[in-house]
Amino acid sequence: MPPYLRNIVGAYLSNRSIKYIGRDGLTHMRTVNCGVPQGSVLGPILWNLAYDAVLDVSLPYGVHIVCYADDTVVMAEENTFDNTLRLAEIGVASVVTKIHELGLRVAPHKTEAIWFHKLPRRLEPPSSSIRVDEFDVQVGKYLKYLGLILDSRWGFEEHFERLVPRIQNFAGAMHALLPNIRGPQEGVRRVYAEVVRSMALYGAPVWSERLSSVKRLRAKLNSVQRKMAIRVVRGYRTISFEAATVLARFPPLDILAAMDARVYAETRTICASDREGLQPEGLRKRAHRQALIEWRLRLEEERNARQRAVGAILPNLEAWLARKRGNITFRLTQVLTGHGCFGEYLFRIGREVTPRCHHCGGDQDTAQHTLEDCPAWESERRVLINNVGGDLSPPAVIAAMLAKDRAWKAAASFCETVMLKKEAAERDLERANPARRRKRRGHDSN
């Protein structure tokens, strides 16, 4: 496999001439007396005109060059490490010579080298270096190129090792901006989630296949996506990945990465074949439909579908994802997930000594008991039934909320009114008997 050498060059053209073919078809010569300010409109064009000579340099067989602005990659391929190293040095020498002829110089402290291979670690060659101009550049295990961290085995473990902390820092910064109570509504929260999506999926067509096949890499991304999805839906930190993402309408990042890779591959195929095909927008819509099918199949797995929030939304998944009405609130999320001020949940996390309902004496104070059975909330329930109908099963309530704006408002109002009263009653019980309180507050605080 080829070693990739990245040379970042900097400086400007001075007292040089640019040869070009004008609109009249004749060759013209212009003298360049000074550089172009960074960010100018003409900057990229003049740079391409000047640097084009580097792309045309004569290279030995097996050596290739790729440029992105002033980021230059020299690639060499041979059958052994030593032969590849020598071939790479020959190619680099040719490129550096041409760079010098343009009045530019190679920045050695920004130059990196790597050898791609599939050898076991025990068969890797000893540490080595490659000659670049007058400097020796170490052949390393990693190389950062255009924002991606490439490793010698093309495994992308190091890329995710560095990416995940960056996203975690961003999600942590959102903690103060997106509190569960008050703070911006769902639309603003989803904008922040899109920032996480953009950060995570940068370069996805390159590494998506690896992400799909390696469980530990998916787990790393899922952990930060779950935290951001919980911020969107104002949920308790105990909410599962599947429940948080489906409530937040935030498909798993590995599915989104595969979608981006599919669009990229199909676009390249159409361009390479020079044939008519779907426009980019059409390709993306088709890939998006496929991604939703994959997500639905994952949510329909028994361990996921039996979760309260997932089971409620799954029959109306497409309508939920496309909805234009309603906002997810802190207390609506509690009722939809079952993670909130319910005796069963508080008992499970060690905040209660019993799962019984303090309002009616029922054996299990669950979200569904609160929604459908507890006589303490009969008056609030009548208002809810008048707007959503007599079936208060979670899927039926979700279907009604999606169908009618007044049903959404009625459900949100029921959750807000009842959960506020339950929270007030819980605080009164704790004040009356502090011994009821357990130390495991970290489980449900946010």
Protein backbone atom coordinates (compact mmCIF):
# COMPACT_ATOMS: atom_id res chain seq x y z
CA MET A 1 0.00 0.00 0.00
CA PRO A 2 1.25 3.52 -0.69
CA PRO A 3 2.73 5.91 1.83
CA TYR A 4 1.04 9.30 1.76
CA LEU A 5 3.13 12.38 2.28
CA ARG A 6 1.44 15.67 3.01
CA ASN A 7 3.34 18.90 2.38
CA ILE A 8 1.78 22.17 3.44
CA VAL A 9 3.43 24.92 1.47
CA GLY A 10 3.28 28.60 2.27
CA ALA A 11 4.66 31.90 0.94
CA TYR A 12 3.75 33.87 -2.16
CA LEU A 13 4.87 34.35 -5.74
CA SER A 14 7.50 37.04 -6.17
CA ASN A 15 9.00 38.33 -9.41
CA ARG A 16 7.59 35.37 -11.31
CA SER A 17 5.69 35.11 -14.56
CA ILE A 18 2.48 33.26 -15.29
CA LYS A 19 1.97 31.76 -18.72
CA TYR A 20 -1.64 31.18 -19.80
CA ILE A 21 -3.84 30.79 -22.88
CA GLY A 22 -6.21 33.71 -23.34
CA ARG A 23 -9.69 33.86 -24.81
CA ASP A 24 -8.12 34.59 -28.19
CA GLY A 25 -6.43 31.18 -28.11
CA LEU A 26 -2.94 32.66 -27.91
CA THR A 27 -0.34 32.16 -25.19
CA HIS A 28 0.24 35.18 -22.97
CA MET A 29 2.76 35.98 -20.26
CA ARG A 30 2.14 38.12 -17.17
CA THR A 31 4.65 39.13 -14.56
CA VAL A 32 3.60 38.69 -10.93
CA ASN A 33 5.21 41.32 -8.72
CA CYS A 34 3.41 40.71 -5.42
CA GLY A 35 1.14 38.29 -3.56
CA VAL A 36 -2.61 38.33 -3.21
CA PRO A 37 -4.26 39.09 0.17
CA GLN A 38 -5.73 36.00 1.82
CA GLY A 39 -9.47 35.77 1.24
CA SER A 40 -9.52 37.84 -1.94
CA VAL A 41 -11.82 36.85 -4.80
CA LEU A 42 -8.92 36.34 -7.21
CA GLY A 43 -6.81 34.42 -4.71
CA PRO A 44 -7.94 30.86 -5.62
CA ILE A 45 -7.78 31.52 -9.37
CA LEU A 46 -4.29 33.01 -9.27
CA TRP A 47 -3.10 30.25 -6.97
CA ASN A 48 -4.42 27.57 -9.34
CA LEU A 49 -2.72 29.24 -12.29
CA ALA A 50 0.59 29.40 -10.50
CA TYR A 51 0.50 26.03 -8.75
CA ASP A 52 -0.69 24.10 -11.80
CA ALA A 53 2.94 23.52 -12.72
CA VAL A 54 3.36 21.31 -9.64
CA LEU A 55 0.56 19.05 -10.84
CA ASP A 56 2.25 18.71 -14.22
CA VAL A 57 5.64 17.70 -12.83
CA SER A 58 7.13 14.52 -14.32
CA LEU A 59 6.91 11.66 -11.79
CA PRO A 60 8.18 8.06 -11.88
CA TYR A 61 5.77 5.18 -12.38
CA GLY A 62 3.83 4.43 -9.19
CA VAL A 63 3.95 7.99 -7.88
CA HIS A 64 0.93 10.31 -7.93
CA ILE A 65 0.19 13.78 -6.65
CA VAL A 66 -3.05 15.27 -5.34
CA CYS A 67 -3.53 18.91 -4.35
CA TYR A 68 -6.25 20.65 -2.39
CA ALA A 69 -5.40 24.37 -2.41
CA ASP A 70 -1.86 24.43 -0.97
CA ASP A 71 -2.24 21.00 0.68
CA THR A 72 -0.11 18.67 -1.44
CA VAL A 73 -0.13 14.89 -1.12
CA VAL A 74 2.51 12.72 -2.79
CA MET A 75 1.54 9.04 -3.05
CA ALA A 76 3.91 6.21 -3.88
CA GLU A 77 3.16 2.50 -4.27
CA GLU A 78 5.59 -0.43 -4.31
CA ASN A 79 5.72 -4.06 -3.22
CA THR A 80 7.88 -3.60 -0.08
CA PHE A 81 8.27 -0.91 2.53
CA ASP A 82 11.89 -0.10 1.59
CA ASN A 83 11.11 0.10 -2.12
CA THR A 84 8.10 2.30 -1.41
CA LEU A 85 10.20 4.57 0.77
CA ARG A 86 12.82 5.07 -1.95
CA LEU A 87 10.20 5.66 -4.64
CA ALA A 88 8.43 8.18 -2.41
CA GLU A 89 11.67 10.11 -1.85
CA ILE A 90 12.25 10.33 -5.60
CA GLY A 91 8.71 11.61 -6.17
CA VAL A 92 8.93 14.08 -3.29
CA ALA A 93 12.25 15.43 -4.58
CA SER A 94 10.67 16.15 -7.97
CA VAL A 95 7.69 17.90 -6.41
CA VAL A 96 9.79 19.95 -3.97
CA THR A 97 12.08 21.06 -6.80
CA LYS A 98 9.11 22.36 -8.77
CA ILE A 99 7.74 24.09 -5.65
CA HIS A 100 11.09 25.85 -5.22
CA GLU A 101 11.00 26.99 -8.85
CA LEU A 102 7.74 28.79 -8.06
CA GLY A 103 9.44 30.72 -5.29
CA LEU A 104 7.67 28.71 -2.61
CA ARG A 105 9.02 26.57 0.18
CA VAL A 106 7.90 23.44 2.00
CA ALA A 107 7.10 23.82 5.69
CA PRO A 108 8.92 20.89 7.36
CA HIS A 109 7.09 21.23 10.69
CA LYS A 110 3.78 20.73 8.85
CA THR A 111 4.94 17.82 6.72
CA GLU A 112 3.75 14.33 7.64
CA ALA A 113 4.32 10.84 6.25
CA ILE A 114 2.48 7.57 6.72
CA TRP A 115 2.63 4.05 5.29
CA PHE A 116 -0.67 2.29 4.64
CA HIS A 117 -0.59 -1.49 4.96
CA LYS A 118 -2.49 -4.53 6.24
CA LEU A 119 0.37 -6.22 8.06
CA PRO A 120 0.02 -7.53 11.63
CA ARG A 121 1.59 -5.24 14.20
CA ARG A 122 4.41 -7.71 14.84
CA LEU A 123 5.46 -7.49 11.16
CA GLU A 124 5.47 -3.72 10.90
CA PRO A 125 8.83 -2.26 9.80
CA PRO A 126 10.94 -0.38 12.35
CA SER A 127 10.61 3.34 12.75
CA SER A 128 11.86 5.17 9.69
CA SER A 129 11.92 8.59 8.05
CA ILE A 130 11.67 10.07 4.58
CA ARG A 131 13.87 12.81 3.17
CA VAL A 132 11.95 15.97 2.29
CA ASP A 133 14.10 18.79 0.99
CA GLU A 134 16.81 19.11 3.66
CA PHE A 135 14.80 17.53 6.46
CA ASP A 136 14.00 14.02 7.65
CA VAL A 137 10.27 13.49 8.24
CA GLN A 138 9.28 10.60 10.50
CA VAL A 139 6.95 7.98 9.00
CA GLY A 140 4.21 8.02 11.61
CA LYS A 141 1.15 5.97 12.49
CA TYR A 142 -1.31 8.81 11.90
CA LEU A 143 -1.77 11.62 9.44
CA LYS A 144 -4.27 14.48 9.58
CA TYR A 145 -5.52 15.38 6.13
CA LEU A 146 -8.39 17.76 5.43
CA GLY A 147 -9.82 17.26 8.90
CA LEU A 148 -9.64 13.44 8.93
CA ILE A 149 -7.21 11.42 11.03
CA LEU A 150 -5.90 8.61 8.85
CA ASP A 151 -4.06 5.65 10.36
CA SER A 152 -1.78 3.11 8.76
CA ARG A 153 -4.44 0.37 8.64
CA TRP A 154 -7.26 2.63 7.46
CA GLY A 155 -9.19 1.74 10.61
CA PHE A 156 -10.15 5.27 11.75
CA GLU A 157 -9.92 4.37 15.45
CA GLU A 158 -7.75 7.42 16.09
CA HIS A 159 -10.14 9.63 14.13
CA PHE A 160 -13.00 8.72 16.45
CA GLU A 161 -10.77 8.89 19.52
CA ARG A 162 -10.18 12.56 18.74
CA LEU A 163 -13.63 13.32 17.35
CA VAL A 164 -15.72 12.09 20.28
CA PRO A 165 -14.12 14.40 22.92
CA ARG A 166 -14.71 17.39 20.64
CA ILE A 167 -18.40 16.56 20.33
CA GLN A 168 -18.62 15.84 24.07
CA ASN A 169 -17.19 19.27 24.82
CA PHE A 170 -19.79 20.85 22.56
CA ALA A 171 -22.62 18.83 24.11
CA GLY A 172 -21.34 19.79 27.56
CA ALA A 173 -21.40 23.45 26.61
CA MET A 174 -25.04 23.01 25.60
CA HIS A 175 -25.94 21.88 29.14
CA ALA A 176 -26.25 25.45 30.40
CA LEU A 177 -27.87 26.74 27.20
CA LEU A 178 -30.50 24.00 26.98
CA PRO A 179 -31.89 23.38 30.48
CA ASN A 180 -34.77 20.95 30.86
CA ILE A 181 -37.02 23.57 32.44
CA ARG A 182 -37.39 26.80 30.51
CA GLY A 183 -34.75 27.50 27.87
CA PRO A 184 -35.30 27.45 24.08
CA GLN A 185 -38.00 25.37 22.43
CA GLU A 186 -37.51 22.21 20.42
CA GLY A 187 -36.73 23.96 17.12
CA VAL A 188 -33.71 25.76 18.56
CA ARG A 189 -32.53 22.59 20.27
CA ARG A 190 -32.69 20.71 16.98
CA VAL A 191 -30.47 23.36 15.39
CA TYR A 192 -27.81 22.60 18.00
CA ALA A 193 -28.28 18.90 17.32
CA GLU A 194 -27.61 19.56 13.64
CA VAL A 195 -24.27 21.10 14.63
CA VAL A 196 -23.37 17.83 16.34
CA ARG A 197 -24.51 15.94 13.27
CA SER A 198 -22.29 18.07 11.00
CA MET A 199 -19.28 17.67 13.28
CA ALA A 200 -19.73 13.91 13.56
CA LEU A 201 -20.42 13.17 9.89
CA TYR A 202 -17.59 15.17 8.35
CA GLY A 203 -15.89 12.87 5.83
CA ALA A 204 -18.52 10.14 6.33
CA PRO A 205 -18.20 8.66 2.80
CA VAL A 206 -14.59 7.75 3.65
CA TRP A 207 -15.18 5.99 6.98
CA SER A 208 -18.87 5.00 7.06
CA GLU A 209 -18.21 1.37 6.08
CA ARG A 210 -15.73 1.02 8.93
CA LEU A 211 -18.21 2.55 11.39
CA SER A 212 -20.95 0.12 10.31
CA SER A 213 -18.71 -2.91 10.87
CA VAL A 214 -17.09 -2.01 14.20
CA LYS A 215 -19.40 -2.01 17.21
CA ARG A 216 -17.05 -0.14 19.56
CA LEU A 217 -16.82 2.81 17.15
CA ARG A 218 -20.60 3.00 16.91
CA ALA A 219 -20.84 2.87 20.70
CA LYS A 220 -18.52 5.90 21.00
CA LEU A 221 -20.64 7.99 18.64
CA ASN A 222 -23.90 6.74 20.14
CA SER A 223 -22.84 7.89 23.59
CA VAL A 224 -22.46 11.53 22.55
CA GLN A 225 -25.49 11.44 20.24
CA ARG A 226 -27.62 10.17 23.10
CA LYS A 227 -26.55 13.07 25.32
CA MET A 228 -27.43 15.60 22.64
CA ALA A 229 -30.77 13.92 21.88
CA ILE A 230 -31.65 14.05 25.58
CA ARG A 231 -30.91 17.79 25.52
CA VAL A 232 -33.32 18.19 22.60
CA VAL A 233 -36.22 16.39 24.32
CA ARG A 234 -35.49 17.72 27.85
CA GLY A 235 -35.22 14.19 29.17
CA TYR A 236 -33.69 12.47 32.18
CA ARG A 237 -30.21 11.11 31.65
CA THR A 238 -31.49 7.55 32.18
CA ILE A 239 -33.41 7.58 28.87
CA SER A 240 -32.10 5.01 26.42
CA PHE A 241 -30.38 5.83 23.15
CA GLU A 242 -33.31 4.54 21.08
CA ALA A 243 -35.94 6.47 23.03
CA ALA A 244 -33.95 9.71 23.06
CA THR A 245 -33.14 9.65 19.35
CA VAL A 246 -36.63 8.75 18.18
CA LEU A 247 -38.19 11.46 20.37
CA ALA A 248 -35.62 13.97 19.09
CA ARG A 249 -36.10 12.82 15.46
CA PHE A 250 -32.34 12.30 15.28
CA PRO A 251 -31.52 9.04 13.39
CA PRO A 252 -28.44 7.10 14.56
CA LEU A 253 -25.24 8.61 13.22
CA ASP A 254 -24.05 5.36 11.64
CA ILE A 255 -27.25 5.23 9.54
CA LEU A 256 -26.79 8.88 8.54
CA ALA A 257 -23.13 8.22 7.66
CA ALA A 258 -24.14 5.31 5.42
CA MET A 259 -26.75 7.56 3.79
CA ASP A 260 -24.12 10.21 2.99
CA ALA A 261 -21.78 7.54 1.63
CA ARG A 262 -24.54 6.15 -0.58
CA VAL A 263 -25.32 9.57 -2.05
CA TYR A 264 -21.62 10.25 -2.67
CA ALA A 265 -21.03 6.90 -4.36
CA GLU A 266 -24.09 7.20 -6.61
CA THR A 267 -23.17 10.76 -7.57
CA ARG A 268 -19.64 9.67 -8.52
CA THR A 269 -21.01 6.76 -10.55
CA ILE A 270 -23.32 9.04 -12.53
CA CYS A 271 -20.55 11.58 -13.16
CA ALA A 272 -18.02 8.90 -14.18
CA SER A 273 -20.43 7.22 -16.60
CA ASP A 274 -21.40 10.54 -18.16
CA ARG A 275 -25.05 9.45 -18.24
CA GLU A 276 -28.30 10.96 -17.14
CA GLY A 277 -29.48 10.09 -13.65
CA LEU A 278 -31.23 11.47 -10.63
CA GLN A 279 -30.24 14.96 -9.62
CA PRO A 280 -28.41 15.31 -6.29
CA GLU A 281 -31.64 16.29 -4.54
CA GLY A 282 -33.39 13.20 -5.88
CA LEU A 283 -30.49 10.96 -4.86
CA ARG A 284 -30.58 12.35 -1.36
CA LYS A 285 -34.34 11.87 -1.02
CA ARG A 286 -34.02 8.25 -2.11
CA ALA A 287 -31.11 7.66 0.28
CA HIS A 288 -33.09 9.33 3.07
CA ARG A 289 -36.02 6.96 2.50
CA GLN A 290 -33.65 4.01 2.66
CA ALA A 291 -32.13 5.35 5.88
CA LEU A 292 -35.58 5.60 7.48
CA ILE A 293 -36.33 2.01 6.50
CA GLU A 294 -33.10 0.88 8.16
CA TRP A 295 -33.92 2.90 11.29
CA ARG A 296 -37.44 1.46 11.47
CA LEU A 297 -36.09 -2.10 11.21
CA ARG A 298 -33.71 -1.36 14.07
CA LEU A 299 -36.48 0.16 16.21
CA GLU A 300 -38.73 -2.84 15.53
CA GLU A 301 -36.27 -5.19 17.21
CA GLU A 302 -37.95 -6.59 20.32
CA ARG A 303 -35.58 -5.04 22.85
CA ASN A 304 -36.22 -1.60 21.32
CA ALA A 305 -39.90 -1.81 20.41
CA ARG A 306 -40.91 -2.74 23.97
CA GLN A 307 -39.56 0.56 25.29
CA ARG A 308 -42.45 2.89 26.10
CA ALA A 309 -41.45 5.86 23.92
CA VAL A 310 -40.31 3.74 20.98
CA GLY A 311 -43.46 1.59 21.05
CA ALA A 312 -45.62 4.72 21.18
CA ILE A 313 -44.04 6.41 18.17
CA LEU A 314 -43.20 3.40 15.98
CA PRO A 315 -46.70 2.96 14.43
CA ASN A 316 -46.60 6.63 13.39
CA LEU A 317 -42.84 6.99 12.83
CA GLU A 318 -42.96 8.76 9.45
CA ALA A 319 -45.62 11.22 10.64
CA TRP A 320 -43.65 11.88 13.83
CA LEU A 321 -40.44 12.62 11.92
CA ALA A 322 -42.24 14.91 9.46
CA ARG A 323 -44.43 16.70 12.01
CA LYS A 324 -44.69 20.49 11.89
CA ARG A 325 -46.78 21.05 15.03
CA GLY A 326 -46.11 20.84 18.73
CA ASN A 327 -43.06 21.02 20.98
CA ILE A 328 -41.59 18.37 23.22
CA THR A 329 -41.59 19.59 26.82
CA PHE A 330 -39.89 18.37 29.98
CA ARG A 331 -43.06 16.87 31.45
CA LEU A 332 -44.42 15.51 28.18
CA THR A 333 -41.15 13.61 27.79
CA GLN A 334 -41.59 12.17 31.30
CA VAL A 335 -44.98 10.72 30.40
CA LEU A 336 -43.82 9.44 27.00
CA THR A 337 -40.72 7.71 28.41
CA GLY A 338 -41.85 6.73 31.91
CA HIS A 339 -38.69 8.33 33.29
CA GLY A 340 -39.87 10.99 35.71
CA CYS A 341 -41.79 11.60 38.92
CA PHE A 342 -43.41 8.16 39.03
CA GLY A 343 -43.18 5.81 41.99
CA GLU A 344 -42.02 2.88 39.86
CA TYR A 345 -39.20 4.90 38.30
CA LEU A 346 -38.12 6.55 41.56
CA PHE A 347 -38.08 3.14 43.25
CA ARG A 348 -35.98 1.70 40.43
CA ILE A 349 -33.29 4.39 40.76
CA GLY A 350 -33.28 4.30 44.57
CA ARG A 351 -35.21 7.47 45.27
CA GLU A 352 -38.26 5.68 46.72
CA VAL A 353 -38.65 2.73 49.08
CA THR A 354 -41.75 1.49 47.24
CA PRO A 355 -43.23 1.79 43.71
CA ARG A 356 -46.72 2.47 45.12
CA CYS A 357 -48.77 5.48 44.06
CA HIS A 358 -49.01 8.04 46.85
CA HIS A 359 -52.12 9.58 45.29
CA CYS A 360 -54.41 6.55 45.10
CA GLY A 361 -52.54 3.75 46.86
CA GLY A 362 -52.08 1.71 43.65
CA ASP A 363 -49.37 -0.97 43.61
CA GLN A 364 -47.47 0.53 40.68
CA ASP A 365 -47.24 4.26 40.01
CA THR A 366 -46.18 4.19 36.34
CA ALA A 367 -46.55 6.70 33.52
CA GLN A 368 -49.48 4.71 32.11
CA HIS A 369 -51.13 4.49 35.54
CA THR A 370 -50.89 8.28 35.76
CA LEU A 371 -52.20 8.76 32.24
CA GLU A 372 -55.03 6.23 32.24
CA ASP A 373 -56.01 4.93 35.69
CA CYS A 374 -55.12 7.05 38.73
CA PRO A 375 -58.39 8.56 40.07
CA ALA A 376 -56.49 11.55 41.46
CA TRP A 377 -56.29 12.98 37.93
CA GLU A 378 -59.83 12.24 36.78
CA SER A 379 -60.80 15.85 35.98
CA GLU A 380 -57.64 16.45 33.94
CA ARG A 381 -58.17 13.11 32.19
CA ARG A 382 -61.70 14.04 31.07
CA VAL A 383 -60.34 17.12 29.30
CA LEU A 384 -57.69 14.96 27.65
CA ILE A 385 -60.20 12.35 26.48
CA ASN A 386 -62.44 15.05 24.99
CA ASN A 387 -59.55 16.01 22.69
CA VAL A 388 -57.67 12.77 21.96
CA GLY A 389 -60.42 10.17 22.34
CA GLY A 390 -61.09 7.37 24.81
CA ASP A 391 -58.07 5.22 23.88
CA LEU A 392 -55.21 6.42 26.08
CA SER A 393 -52.66 3.83 24.99
CA PRO A 394 -49.39 5.59 24.04
CA PRO A 395 -49.63 4.82 20.28
CA ALA A 396 -53.23 6.11 20.16
CA VAL A 397 -52.34 9.29 22.05
CA ILE A 398 -49.39 9.94 19.71
CA ALA A 399 -51.60 9.36 16.65
CA ALA A 400 -54.17 11.86 17.94
CA MET A 401 -51.49 14.42 18.79
CA LEU A 402 -50.10 14.19 15.26
CA ALA A 403 -53.55 14.44 13.69
CA LYS A 404 -54.93 17.48 15.53
CA ASP A 405 -53.28 20.54 16.97
CA ARG A 406 -55.79 20.73 19.84
CA ALA A 407 -54.99 17.12 20.75
CA TRP A 408 -51.28 17.95 21.01
CA LYS A 409 -52.04 20.94 23.21
CA ALA A 410 -54.39 18.90 25.39
CA ALA A 411 -51.81 16.13 25.89
CA ALA A 412 -49.07 18.64 26.70
CA SER A 413 -51.40 20.46 29.10
CA PHE A 414 -52.36 17.22 30.87
CA CYS A 415 -48.70 16.29 31.33
CA GLU A 416 -47.77 19.76 32.54
CA THR A 417 -50.64 20.04 35.05
CA VAL A 418 -50.46 16.51 36.47
CA MET A 419 -46.66 16.21 36.62
CA LEU A 420 -46.38 19.59 38.36
CA LYS A 421 -48.78 18.35 41.05
CA LYS A 422 -46.92 15.05 41.38
CA GLU A 423 -43.60 16.87 41.72
CA ALA A 424 -45.05 19.19 44.38
CA ALA A 425 -46.42 16.19 46.29
CA GLU A 426 -43.04 14.44 46.10
CA ARG A 427 -41.30 17.50 47.53
CA ASP A 428 -43.85 17.68 50.37
CA LEU A 429 -43.22 14.03 51.24
CA GLU A 430 -39.47 14.60 51.27
CA ARG A 431 -39.78 17.61 53.54
CA ALA A 432 -42.03 15.68 55.90
CA ASN A 433 -39.69 12.69 56.03
CA PRO A 434 -36.10 13.46 54.89
CA ALA A 435 -35.12 9.83 55.51
CA ARG A 436 -37.08 8.90 52.36
CA ARG A 437 -34.48 10.61 50.24
CA ARG A 438 -31.68 8.46 48.93
CA LYS A 439 -28.21 9.54 47.92
CA ARG A 440 -28.53 8.47 44.28
CA ARG A 441 -29.75 11.81 43.02
CA GLY A 442 -27.30 11.77 40.12
CA HIS A 443 -29.46 9.23 38.30
CA ASP A 444 -32.27 11.62 37.47
CA SER A 445 -30.81 15.10 37.85
CA ASN A 446 -30.03 17.03 34.70
